[in-house]
Amino acid sequence: MPIYEYECQSCGHELEKIQRMSDAHLTDCPDCGKSSLRRKVSAAGFRLKGGGWYETDFKKGGKKNVHDSGSKSKPSSTTGSSASNSD
């Protein structure tokens, strides 16, 4: 469900409301009680909720994980190292 932003034309109060697209627009301000709420035009927001979302799903090129961007990367271990071979 989309998150809509509203602003009261009378008192300037702003709020966000999760609503279905088919729901009626809010009209009454919760602060002043007047019927002067107007829905603002804003960027569409969404949440990646639940399992099955991977950090590589929406990456292009060599972009790194935002969470790991500040940490130093460790050198990867090479496969077939001498430690795995025992005589």
PDB file of N, CA and C in Angstrom:
ATOM      1  N   MET A   1       0.849  -1.179   0.000  1.00  0.00           N
ATOM      2  CA  MET A   1       0.000   0.000   0.000  1.00  0.00           C
ATOM      3  C   MET A   1       0.892   1.239   0.000  1.00  0.00           C
ATOM      4  N   PRO A   2       0.506   2.240  -0.762  1.00  0.00           N
ATOM      5  CA  PRO A   2       1.299   3.469  -0.828  1.00  0.00           C
ATOM      6  C   PRO A   2       1.203   4.308   0.448  1.00  0.00           C
ATOM      7  N   ILE A   3       2.235   5.101   0.665  1.00  0.00           N
ATOM      8  CA  ILE A   3       2.255   6.043   1.778  1.00  0.00           C
ATOM      9  C   ILE A   3       1.997   7.426   1.189  1.00  0.00           C
ATOM     10  N   TYR A   4       0.914   8.063   1.607  1.00  0.00           N
ATOM     11  CA  TYR A   4       0.546   9.382   1.104  1.00  0.00           C
ATOM     12  C   TYR A   4       0.903  10.459   2.115  1.00  0.00           C
ATOM     13  N   GLU A   5       1.323  11.609   1.619  1.00  0.00           N
ATOM     14  CA  GLU A   5       1.634  12.756   2.471  1.00  0.00           C
ATOM     15  C   GLU A   5       0.514  13.777   2.339  1.00  0.00           C
ATOM     16  N   TYR A   6       0.124  14.344   3.471  1.00  0.00           N
ATOM     17  CA  TYR A   6      -0.929  15.355   3.508  1.00  0.00           C
ATOM     18  C   TYR A   6      -0.409  16.594   4.226  1.00  0.00           C
ATOM     19  N   GLU A   7      -0.974  17.755   3.841  1.00  0.00           N
ATOM     20  CA  GLU A   7      -0.657  19.014   4.511  1.00  0.00           C
ATOM     21  C   GLU A   7      -1.946  19.805   4.686  1.00  0.00           C
ATOM     22  N   CYS A   8      -2.136  20.359   5.884  1.00  0.00           N
ATOM     23  CA  CYS A   8      -3.308  21.172   6.175  1.00  0.00           C
ATOM     24  C   CYS A   8      -3.078  22.579   5.624  1.00  0.00           C
ATOM     25  N   GLN A   9      -4.019  23.074   4.858  1.00  0.00           N
ATOM     26  CA  GLN A   9      -3.922  24.408   4.282  1.00  0.00           C
ATOM     27  C   GLN A   9      -4.194  25.500   5.322  1.00  0.00           C
ATOM     28  N   SER A  10      -4.839  25.133   6.436  1.00  0.00           N
ATOM     29  CA  SER A  10      -5.158  26.112   7.475  1.00  0.00           C
ATOM     30  C   SER A  10      -4.027  26.293   8.479  1.00  0.00           C
ATOM     31  N   CYS A  11      -3.543  25.180   9.052  1.00  0.00           N
ATOM     32  CA  CYS A  11      -2.549  25.294  10.126  1.00  0.00           C
ATOM     33  C   CYS A  11      -1.148  24.839   9.720  1.00  0.00           C
ATOM     34  N   GLY A  12      -1.000  24.199   8.558  1.00  0.00           N
ATOM     35  CA  GLY A  12       0.311  23.770   8.086  1.00  0.00           C
ATOM     36  C   GLY A  12       0.762  22.416   8.611  1.00  0.00           C
ATOM     37  N   HIS A  13      -0.085  21.725   9.374  1.00  0.00           N
ATOM     38  CA  HIS A  13       0.255  20.403   9.905  1.00  0.00           C
ATOM     39  C   HIS A  13       0.490  19.427   8.759  1.00  0.00           C
ATOM     40  N   GLU A  14       1.557  18.607   8.864  1.00  0.00           N
ATOM     41  CA  GLU A  14       1.861  17.600   7.855  1.00  0.00           C
ATOM     42  C   GLU A  14       1.771  16.212   8.472  1.00  0.00           C
ATOM     43  N   LEU A  15       1.307  15.230   7.685  1.00  0.00           N
ATOM     44  CA  LEU A  15       1.227  13.860   8.156  1.00  0.00           C
ATOM     45  C   LEU A  15       1.369  12.902   7.000  1.00  0.00           C
ATOM     46  N   GLU A  16       1.708  11.663   7.330  1.00  0.00           N
ATOM     47  CA  GLU A  16       1.784  10.582   6.362  1.00  0.00           C
ATOM     48  C   GLU A  16       0.759   9.530   6.732  1.00  0.00           C
ATOM     49  N   LYS A  17       0.161   8.902   5.719  1.00  0.00           N
ATOM     50  CA  LYS A  17      -0.870   7.898   5.972  1.00  0.00           C
ATOM     51  C   LYS A  17      -0.718   6.767   4.963  1.00  0.00           C
ATOM     52  N   ILE A  18      -0.693   5.530   5.455  1.00  0.00           N
ATOM     53  CA  ILE A  18      -0.682   4.369   4.572  1.00  0.00           C
ATOM     54  C   ILE A  18      -2.130   4.080   4.192  1.00  0.00           C
ATOM     55  N   GLN A  19      -2.402   4.156   2.883  1.00  0.00           N
ATOM     56  CA  GLN A  19      -3.765   3.957   2.396  1.00  0.00           C
ATOM     57  C   GLN A  19      -3.744   3.128   1.129  1.00  0.00           C
ATOM     58  N   ARG A  20      -4.847   2.481   0.878  1.00  0.00           N
ATOM     59  CA  ARG A  20      -5.024   1.805  -0.401  1.00  0.00           C
ATOM     60  C   ARG A  20      -5.294   2.858  -1.463  1.00  0.00           C
ATOM     61  N   MET A  21      -4.986   2.530  -2.694  1.00  0.00           N
ATOM     62  CA  MET A  21      -5.216   3.483  -3.778  1.00  0.00           C
ATOM     63  C   MET A  21      -6.706   3.777  -3.948  1.00  0.00           C
ATOM     64  N   SER A  22      -7.544   2.827  -3.566  1.00  0.00           N
ATOM     65  CA  SER A  22      -8.991   3.004  -3.706  1.00  0.00           C
ATOM     66  C   SER A  22      -9.613   3.769  -2.540  1.00  0.00           C
ATOM     67  N   ASP A  23      -8.864   3.999  -1.453  1.00  0.00           N
ATOM     68  CA  ASP A  23      -9.393   4.728  -0.293  1.00  0.00           C
ATOM     69  C   ASP A  23      -9.612   6.194  -0.628  1.00  0.00           C
ATOM     70  N   ALA A  24     -10.605   6.785   0.026  1.00  0.00           N
ATOM     71  CA  ALA A  24     -10.876   8.215  -0.154  1.00  0.00           C
ATOM     72  C   ALA A  24      -9.770   9.049   0.478  1.00  0.00           C
ATOM     73  N   HIS A  25      -9.505  10.207  -0.086  1.00  0.00           N
ATOM     74  CA  HIS A  25      -8.495  11.117   0.460  1.00  0.00           C
ATOM     75  C   HIS A  25      -8.944  11.613   1.825  1.00  0.00           C
ATOM     76  N   LEU A  26      -7.978  11.848   2.711  1.00  0.00           N
ATOM     77  CA  LEU A  26      -8.300  12.434   4.009  1.00  0.00           C
ATOM     78  C   LEU A  26      -8.646  13.905   3.798  1.00  0.00           C
ATOM     79  N   THR A  27      -9.566  14.424   4.592  1.00  0.00           N
ATOM     80  CA  THR A  27      -9.965  15.828   4.458  1.00  0.00           C
ATOM     81  C   THR A  27      -9.859  16.597   5.766  1.00  0.00           C
ATOM     82  N   ASP A  28     -10.059  15.925   6.907  1.00  0.00           N
ATOM     83  CA  ASP A  28     -10.065  16.611   8.201  1.00  0.00           C
ATOM     84  C   ASP A  28      -8.688  16.566   8.858  1.00  0.00           C
ATOM     85  N   CYS A  29      -8.190  17.725   9.260  1.00  0.00           N
ATOM     86  CA  CYS A  29      -6.900  17.842   9.927  1.00  0.00           C
ATOM     87  C   CYS A  29      -7.014  17.332  11.360  1.00  0.00           C
ATOM     88  N   PRO A  30      -6.102  16.444  11.794  1.00  0.00           N
ATOM     89  CA  PRO A  30      -6.162  15.946  13.168  1.00  0.00           C
ATOM     90  C   PRO A  30      -5.757  17.001  14.206  1.00  0.00           C
ATOM     91  N   ASP A  31      -5.060  18.074  13.793  1.00  0.00           N
ATOM     92  CA  ASP A  31      -4.641  19.127  14.727  1.00  0.00           C
ATOM     93  C   ASP A  31      -5.722  20.179  14.934  1.00  0.00           C
ATOM     94  N   CYS A  32      -6.160  20.806  13.833  1.00  0.00           N
ATOM     95  CA  CYS A  32      -7.111  21.913  13.971  1.00  0.00           C
ATOM     96  C   CYS A  32      -8.557  21.503  13.721  1.00  0.00           C
ATOM     97  N   GLY A  33      -8.786  20.318  13.126  1.00  0.00           N
ATOM     98  CA  GLY A  33     -10.137  19.827  12.901  1.00  0.00           C
ATOM     99  C   GLY A  33     -10.824  20.375  11.663  1.00  0.00           C
ATOM    100  N   LYS A  34     -10.185  21.288  10.935  1.00  0.00           N
ATOM    101  CA  LYS A  34     -10.799  21.863   9.732  1.00  0.00           C
ATOM    102  C   LYS A  34     -10.663  20.903   8.555  1.00  0.00           C
ATOM    103  N   SER A  35     -11.581  21.038   7.602  1.00  0.00           N
ATOM    104  CA  SER A  35     -11.564  20.199   6.401  1.00  0.00           C
ATOM    105  C   SER A  35     -10.690  20.838   5.326  1.00  0.00           C
ATOM    106  N   SER A  36      -9.403  20.947   5.605  1.00  0.00           N
ATOM    107  CA  SER A  36      -8.519  21.614   4.649  1.00  0.00           C
ATOM    108  C   SER A  36      -7.244  20.823   4.374  1.00  0.00           C
ATOM    109  N   LEU A  37      -7.286  19.486   4.548  1.00  0.00           N
ATOM    110  CA  LEU A  37      -6.125  18.664   4.206  1.00  0.00           C
ATOM    111  C   LEU A  37      -6.038  18.501   2.701  1.00  0.00           C
ATOM    112  N   ARG A  38      -4.826  18.611   2.188  1.00  0.00           N
ATOM    113  CA  ARG A  38      -4.574  18.402   0.761  1.00  0.00           C
ATOM    114  C   ARG A  38      -3.449  17.393   0.637  1.00  0.00           C
ATOM    115  N   ARG A  39      -3.619  16.462  -0.286  1.00  0.00           N
ATOM    116  CA  ARG A  39      -2.574  15.462  -0.514  1.00  0.00           C
ATOM    117  C   ARG A  39      -1.452  16.095  -1.314  1.00  0.00           C
ATOM    118  N   LYS A  40      -0.226  15.882  -0.845  1.00  0.00           N
ATOM    119  CA  LYS A  40       0.947  16.446  -1.506  1.00  0.00           C
ATOM    120  C   LYS A  40       1.439  15.494  -2.588  1.00  0.00           C
ATOM    121  N   VAL A  41       2.086  16.033  -3.594  1.00  0.00           N
ATOM    122  CA  VAL A  41       2.726  15.225  -4.624  1.00  0.00           C
ATOM    123  C   VAL A  41       4.119  14.886  -4.104  1.00  0.00           C
ATOM    124  N   SER A  42       4.423  13.611  -4.006  1.00  0.00           N
ATOM    125  CA  SER A  42       5.718  13.188  -3.481  1.00  0.00           C
ATOM    126  C   SER A  42       6.178  11.942  -4.217  1.00  0.00           C
ATOM    127  N   ALA A  43       7.436  11.587  -3.998  1.00  0.00           N
ATOM    128  CA  ALA A  43       7.995  10.386  -4.619  1.00  0.00           C
ATOM    129  C   ALA A  43       7.328   9.146  -4.026  1.00  0.00           C
ATOM    130  N   ALA A  44       7.139   8.177  -4.854  1.00  0.00           N
ATOM    131  CA  ALA A  44       6.526   6.934  -4.389  1.00  0.00           C
ATOM    132  C   ALA A  44       7.493   6.196  -3.487  1.00  0.00           C
ATOM    133  N   GLY A  45       6.998   5.769  -2.346  1.00  0.00           N
ATOM    134  CA  GLY A  45       7.812   5.007  -1.419  1.00  0.00           C
ATOM    135  C   GLY A  45       7.343   3.574  -1.362  1.00  0.00           C
ATOM    136  N   PHE A  46       8.282   2.661  -1.135  1.00  0.00           N
ATOM    137  CA  PHE A  46       7.900   1.274  -0.974  1.00  0.00           C
ATOM    138  C   PHE A  46       8.868   0.609  -0.015  1.00  0.00           C
ATOM    139  N   ARG A  47       8.445  -0.523   0.520  1.00  0.00           N
ATOM    140  CA  ARG A  47       9.267  -1.270   1.460  1.00  0.00           C
ATOM    141  C   ARG A  47       9.543  -2.656   0.901  1.00  0.00           C
ATOM    142  N   LEU A  48      10.787  -3.090   1.021  1.00  0.00           N
ATOM    143  CA  LEU A  48      11.125  -4.463   0.680  1.00  0.00           C
ATOM    144  C   LEU A  48      10.956  -5.256   1.965  1.00  0.00           C
ATOM    145  N   LYS A  49       9.835  -5.935   2.074  1.00  0.00           N
ATOM    146  CA  LYS A  49       9.481  -6.588   3.323  1.00  0.00           C
ATOM    147  C   LYS A  49       9.379  -8.094   3.098  1.00  0.00           C
ATOM    148  N   GLY A  50       9.897  -8.853   4.045  1.00  0.00           N
ATOM    149  CA  GLY A  50       9.804 -10.292   3.956  1.00  0.00           C
ATOM    150  C   GLY A  50      11.077 -10.921   3.428  1.00  0.00           C
ATOM    151  N   GLY A  51      11.071 -12.229   3.337  1.00  0.00           N
ATOM    152  CA  GLY A  51      12.242 -12.958   2.868  1.00  0.00           C
ATOM    153  C   GLY A  51      12.349 -12.925   1.353  1.00  0.00           C
ATOM    154  N   GLY A  52      13.500 -13.294   0.865  1.00  0.00           N
ATOM    155  CA  GLY A  52      13.678 -13.399  -0.578  1.00  0.00           C
ATOM    156  C   GLY A  52      14.288 -12.187  -1.235  1.00  0.00           C
ATOM    157  N   TRP A  53      14.678 -11.178  -0.492  1.00  0.00           N
ATOM    158  CA  TRP A  53      15.307  -9.998  -1.082  1.00  0.00           C
ATOM    159  C   TRP A  53      16.807 -10.089  -0.849  1.00  0.00           C
ATOM    160  N   TYR A  54      17.551  -9.960  -1.898  1.00  0.00           N
ATOM    161  CA  TYR A  54      18.994 -10.091  -1.825  1.00  0.00           C
ATOM    162  C   TYR A  54      19.649  -8.782  -2.227  1.00  0.00           C
ATOM    163  N   GLU A  55      20.832  -8.531  -1.700  1.00  0.00           N
ATOM    164  CA  GLU A  55      21.515  -7.270  -1.977  1.00  0.00           C
ATOM    165  C   GLU A  55      21.916  -7.144  -3.439  1.00  0.00           C
ATOM    166  N   THR A  56      21.972  -8.232  -4.174  1.00  0.00           N
ATOM    167  CA  THR A  56      22.378  -8.172  -5.579  1.00  0.00           C
ATOM    168  C   THR A  56      21.192  -8.028  -6.534  1.00  0.00           C
ATOM    169  N   ASP A  57      19.982  -8.031  -6.048  1.00  0.00           N
ATOM    170  CA  ASP A  57      18.806  -7.996  -6.909  1.00  0.00           C
ATOM    171  C   ASP A  57      18.723  -6.756  -7.785  1.00  0.00           C
ATOM    172  N   PHE A  58      19.115  -5.593  -7.279  1.00  0.00           N
ATOM    173  CA  PHE A  58      18.927  -4.350  -8.017  1.00  0.00           C
ATOM    174  C   PHE A  58      20.241  -3.638  -8.298  1.00  0.00           C
ATOM    175  N   LYS A  59      21.343  -4.359  -8.261  1.00  0.00           N
ATOM    176  CA  LYS A  59      22.643  -3.737  -8.487  1.00  0.00           C
ATOM    177  C   LYS A  59      23.028  -3.785  -9.955  1.00  0.00           C
ATOM    178  N   LYS A  60      23.784  -2.790 -10.349  1.00  0.00           N
ATOM    179  CA  LYS A  60      24.345  -2.751 -11.694  1.00  0.00           C
ATOM    180  C   LYS A  60      25.824  -2.450 -11.549  1.00  0.00           C
ATOM    181  N   GLY A  61      26.632  -3.082 -12.350  1.00  0.00           N
ATOM    182  CA  GLY A  61      28.063  -2.795 -12.335  1.00  0.00           C
ATOM    183  C   GLY A  61      28.723  -3.220 -11.043  1.00  0.00           C
ATOM    184  N   GLY A  62      29.674  -2.411 -10.566  1.00  0.00           N
ATOM    185  CA  GLY A  62      30.442  -2.751  -9.383  1.00  0.00           C
ATOM    186  C   GLY A  62      29.968  -2.068  -8.131  1.00  0.00           C
ATOM    187  N   LYS A  63      28.681  -1.765  -8.029  1.00  0.00           N
ATOM    188  CA  LYS A  63      28.167  -1.111  -6.819  1.00  0.00           C
ATOM    189  C   LYS A  63      28.306  -2.023  -5.624  1.00  0.00           C
ATOM    190  N   LYS A  64      28.634  -1.419  -4.484  1.00  0.00           N
ATOM    191  CA  LYS A  64      28.820  -2.184  -3.257  1.00  0.00           C
ATOM    192  C   LYS A  64      27.599  -2.035  -2.363  1.00  0.00           C
ATOM    193  N   ASN A  65      27.491  -2.912  -1.403  1.00  0.00           N
ATOM    194  CA  ASN A  65      26.429  -2.853  -0.414  1.00  0.00           C
ATOM    195  C   ASN A  65      26.577  -1.568   0.401  1.00  0.00           C
ATOM    196  N   VAL A  66      25.527  -0.805   0.544  1.00  0.00           N
ATOM    197  CA  VAL A  66      25.565   0.457   1.276  1.00  0.00           C
ATOM    198  C   VAL A  66      25.976   0.224   2.725  1.00  0.00           C
ATOM    199  N   HIS A  67      25.528  -0.854   3.307  1.00  0.00           N
ATOM    200  CA  HIS A  67      25.839  -1.168   4.700  1.00  0.00           C
ATOM    201  C   HIS A  67      27.340  -1.395   4.888  1.00  0.00           C
ATOM    202  N   ASP A  68      27.988  -2.025   3.910  1.00  0.00           N
ATOM    203  CA  ASP A  68      29.405  -2.357   4.011  1.00  0.00           C
ATOM    204  C   ASP A  68      30.312  -1.292   3.400  1.00  0.00           C
ATOM    205  N   SER A  69      29.775  -0.172   2.944  1.00  0.00           N
ATOM    206  CA  SER A  69      30.583   0.805   2.224  1.00  0.00           C
ATOM    207  C   SER A  69      31.665   1.442   3.074  1.00  0.00           C
ATOM    208  N   GLY A  70      31.472   1.516   4.404  1.00  0.00           N
ATOM    209  CA  GLY A  70      32.455   2.138   5.271  1.00  0.00           C
ATOM    210  C   GLY A  70      33.506   1.168   5.792  1.00  0.00           C
ATOM    211  N   SER A  71      33.271  -0.116   5.652  1.00  0.00           N
ATOM    212  CA  SER A  71      34.214  -1.088   6.203  1.00  0.00           C
ATOM    213  C   SER A  71      35.257  -1.469   5.169  1.00  0.00           C
ATOM    214  N   LYS A  72      36.411  -1.868   5.652  1.00  0.00           N
ATOM    215  CA  LYS A  72      37.484  -2.304   4.759  1.00  0.00           C
ATOM    216  C   LYS A  72      37.215  -3.733   4.363  1.00  0.00           C
ATOM    217  N   SER A  73      37.468  -4.041   3.102  1.00  0.00           N
ATOM    218  CA  SER A  73      37.208  -5.400   2.640  1.00  0.00           C
ATOM    219  C   SER A  73      38.406  -6.289   2.929  1.00  0.00           C
ATOM    220  N   LYS A  74      38.134  -7.521   3.294  1.00  0.00           N
ATOM    221  CA  LYS A  74      39.173  -8.493   3.565  1.00  0.00           C
ATOM    222  C   LYS A  74      39.516  -9.207   2.271  1.00  0.00           C
ATOM    223  N   PRO A  75      40.775  -9.561   2.072  1.00  0.00           N
ATOM    224  CA  PRO A  75      41.111 -10.311   0.863  1.00  0.00           C
ATOM    225  C   PRO A  75      40.458 -11.679   0.913  1.00  0.00           C
ATOM    226  N   SER A  76      39.928 -12.106  -0.204  1.00  0.00           N
ATOM    227  CA  SER A  76      39.243 -13.394  -0.231  1.00  0.00           C
ATOM    228  C   SER A  76      40.264 -14.515  -0.258  1.00  0.00           C
ATOM    229  N   SER A  77      39.931 -15.637   0.361  1.00  0.00           N
ATOM    230  CA  SER A  77      40.822 -16.787   0.354  1.00  0.00           C
ATOM    231  C   SER A  77      40.693 -17.488  -0.981  1.00  0.00           C
ATOM    232  N   THR A  78      41.810 -17.956  -1.493  1.00  0.00           N
ATOM    233  CA  THR A  78      41.788 -18.623  -2.782  1.00  0.00           C
ATOM    234  C   THR A  78      41.486 -20.089  -2.583  1.00  0.00           C
ATOM    235  N   THR A  79      40.744 -20.644  -3.494  1.00  0.00           N
ATOM    236  CA  THR A  79      40.422 -22.068  -3.407  1.00  0.00           C
ATOM    237  C   THR A  79      41.624 -22.863  -3.868  1.00  0.00           C
ATOM    238  N   GLY A  80      41.783 -24.047  -3.323  1.00  0.00           N
ATOM    239  CA  GLY A  80      42.906 -24.889  -3.692  1.00  0.00           C
ATOM    240  C   GLY A  80      44.186 -24.483  -2.984  1.00  0.00           C
ATOM    241  N   SER A  81      44.081 -23.885  -1.820  1.00  0.00           N
ATOM    242  CA  SER A  81      45.267 -23.481  -1.079  1.00  0.00           C
ATOM    243  C   SER A  81      45.985 -24.707  -0.540  1.00  0.00           C
ATOM    244  N   SER A  82      47.213 -24.520  -0.104  1.00  0.00           N
ATOM    245  CA  SER A  82      48.014 -25.633   0.386  1.00  0.00           C
ATOM    246  C   SER A  82      47.471 -26.215   1.679  1.00  0.00           C
ATOM    247  N   ALA A  83      46.647 -25.469   2.415  1.00  0.00           N
ATOM    248  CA  ALA A  83      46.092 -25.961   3.668  1.00  0.00           C
ATOM    249  C   ALA A  83      45.119 -27.108   3.430  1.00  0.00           C
ATOM    250  N   SER A  84      44.474 -27.131   2.270  1.00  0.00           N
ATOM    251  CA  SER A  84      43.493 -28.176   2.000  1.00  0.00           C
ATOM    252  C   SER A  84      44.149 -29.455   1.494  1.00  0.00           C
ATOM    253  N   ASN A  85      45.393 -29.367   1.071  1.00  0.00           N
ATOM    254  CA  ASN A  85      46.098 -30.547   0.582  1.00  0.00           C
ATOM    255  C   ASN A  85      46.916 -31.157   1.710  1.00  0.00           C
ATOM    256  N   SER A  86      46.647 -32.404   2.053  1.00  0.00           N
ATOM    257  CA  SER A  86      47.437 -33.075   3.072  1.00  0.00           C
ATOM    258  C   SER A  86      48.117 -34.270   2.453  1.00  0.00           C
ATOM    259  N   ASP A  87      49.398 -34.485   2.781  1.00  0.00           N
ATOM    260  CA  ASP A  87      50.173 -35.606   2.229  1.00  0.00           C
ATOM    261  C   ASP A  87      50.304 -36.721   3.201  1.00  0.00           C
TER     262      ASP A  87
END
